[in-house]
């Protein structure tokens, strides 16, 4: 089961339309992006979980999915998981750098959130 943020309701194809999906980026509102995270995770787990070439990509995405899920619990619950969020972010950053060495992530602002 995948529960999306209620404001946006059902998934719309326009969320991944040509005007938003570019070669290296997806431009959209944060709420839509947050709704796409579990949808893409379900896709990866359902259709690509057994693909050797995507094991690290799926693991990296799952780390992000888990962190976003924790933060979606709100300001009352999420701070209880600050240590776990730091661990997830560190592992995500390390794995992302391994998968995409030519892309330099700028995650320093995430440390301030945690």
Protein backbone atom coordinates (compact mmCIF):
# COMPACT_ATOMS: atom_id res chain seq x y z
CA UNK A 1 0.00 0.00 0.00
CA UNK A 2 1.25 3.44 -0.89
CA UNK A 3 -0.33 6.39 0.91
CA UNK A 4 0.26 9.68 -0.86
CA UNK A 5 -0.04 13.16 0.56
CA UNK A 6 -3.77 13.91 0.51
CA UNK A 7 -3.40 17.34 -1.09
CA UNK A 8 -2.37 15.85 -4.42
CA UNK A 9 -4.58 12.75 -4.39
CA UNK A 10 -3.98 10.31 -7.25
CA UNK A 11 -0.81 10.20 -9.31
CA UNK A 12 -1.05 12.15 -12.57
CA UNK A 13 0.97 11.48 -15.72
CA UNK A 14 1.57 15.24 -16.00
CA UNK A 15 3.86 15.01 -12.95
CA UNK A 16 6.42 13.37 -15.24
CA UNK A 17 5.54 15.31 -18.38
CA UNK A 18 8.06 16.60 -20.93
CA UNK A 19 7.88 20.09 -19.43
CA UNK A 20 9.06 18.73 -16.04
CA UNK A 21 11.27 15.74 -16.78
CA UNK A 22 14.62 16.75 -18.26
CA UNK A 23 17.82 14.79 -18.91
CA UNK A 24 19.30 15.30 -15.44
CA UNK A 25 16.48 16.74 -13.37
CA UNK A 26 12.81 16.80 -12.51
CA UNK A 27 11.29 20.21 -11.95
CA UNK A 28 8.15 20.23 -9.87
CA UNK A 29 6.54 21.30 -6.61
CA UNK A 30 7.97 19.64 -3.51
CA UNK A 31 4.64 17.98 -2.66
CA UNK A 32 4.55 16.27 -6.03
CA UNK A 33 8.17 15.16 -5.67
CA UNK A 34 7.38 13.75 -2.23
CA UNK A 35 4.48 11.82 -3.75
CA UNK A 36 6.71 10.43 -6.49
CA UNK A 37 9.30 9.07 -4.06
CA UNK A 38 7.15 6.12 -2.84
CA UNK A 39 5.76 5.51 -6.33
CA UNK A 40 9.25 5.20 -7.82
CA UNK A 41 10.32 3.02 -4.87
CA UNK A 42 7.43 0.65 -5.54
CA UNK A 43 8.39 0.55 -9.21
CA UNK A 44 12.02 -0.28 -8.41
CA UNK A 45 11.07 -2.97 -5.91
CA UNK A 46 8.45 -4.51 -8.19
CA UNK A 47 10.25 -4.49 -11.52
CA UNK A 48 13.98 -4.12 -10.83
CA UNK A 49 14.71 -5.71 -7.45
CA UNK A 50 16.50 -8.65 -9.05
CA UNK A 51 18.55 -6.69 -11.59
CA UNK A 52 22.23 -6.82 -10.57
CA UNK A 53 23.06 -3.57 -12.35
CA UNK A 54 20.42 -1.71 -10.32
CA UNK A 55 21.09 -3.14 -6.85
CA UNK A 56 23.07 -0.08 -5.69
CA UNK A 57 20.64 2.34 -7.36
CA UNK A 58 17.68 0.65 -5.67
CA UNK A 59 19.49 0.64 -2.30
CA UNK A 60 20.39 4.32 -2.66
CA UNK A 61 16.82 5.23 -3.57
CA UNK A 62 15.48 3.16 -0.67
CA UNK A 63 17.69 5.14 1.72
CA UNK A 64 16.18 8.37 0.41
CA UNK A 65 12.67 6.88 0.52
CA UNK A 66 13.14 5.84 4.15
CA UNK A 67 14.46 9.27 5.16
CA UNK A 68 11.60 11.06 3.42
CA UNK A 69 9.16 8.66 5.09
CA UNK A 70 10.56 9.47 8.52
CA UNK A 71 10.37 13.20 7.88
CA UNK A 72 6.79 12.88 6.59
CA UNK A 73 5.80 11.87 10.12
CA UNK A 74 5.96 15.54 11.05
CA UNK A 75 7.77 17.74 13.50
CA UNK A 76 6.56 15.84 16.56
CA UNK A 77 7.74 12.37 15.51
CA UNK A 78 10.65 12.89 13.09
CA UNK A 79 13.09 14.41 15.63
CA UNK A 80 12.98 11.15 17.58
CA UNK A 81 14.74 9.58 14.59
CA UNK A 82 17.49 12.19 14.20
CA UNK A 83 20.28 9.64 14.68
CA UNK A 84 18.71 7.27 12.16
CA UNK A 85 18.28 10.14 9.68
CA UNK A 86 21.96 11.04 10.03
CA UNK A 87 22.93 7.41 9.37
CA UNK A 88 20.63 7.23 6.34
CA UNK A 89 21.98 10.48 4.92
CA UNK A 90 25.60 9.40 5.39
CA UNK A 91 25.00 6.03 3.75
CA UNK A 92 22.98 7.67 0.95
CA UNK A 93 25.74 10.18 0.24
CA UNK A 94 28.44 7.48 0.21
CA UNK A 95 26.46 5.19 -2.08
CA UNK A 96 25.40 8.03 -4.40
CA UNK A 97 29.03 9.12 -4.79
CA UNK A 98 29.92 5.53 -5.74
CA UNK A 99 27.08 5.25 -8.27
CA UNK A 100 27.50 8.70 -9.81
CA UNK A 101 31.06 9.93 -9.22
CA UNK A 102 30.71 12.73 -11.78
CA UNK A 103 27.80 14.34 -9.89
CA UNK A 104 28.66 16.28 -6.76
CA UNK A 105 25.78 16.24 -4.31
CA UNK A 106 25.30 19.29 -2.16
CA UNK A 107 23.79 17.79 0.96
CA UNK A 108 25.24 20.13 3.57
CA UNK A 109 21.84 21.81 3.98
CA UNK A 110 20.34 18.41 4.90
CA UNK A 111 22.63 18.22 7.90
CA UNK A 112 20.95 21.36 9.22
CA UNK A 113 17.51 19.77 8.87
CA UNK A 114 18.61 16.81 10.95
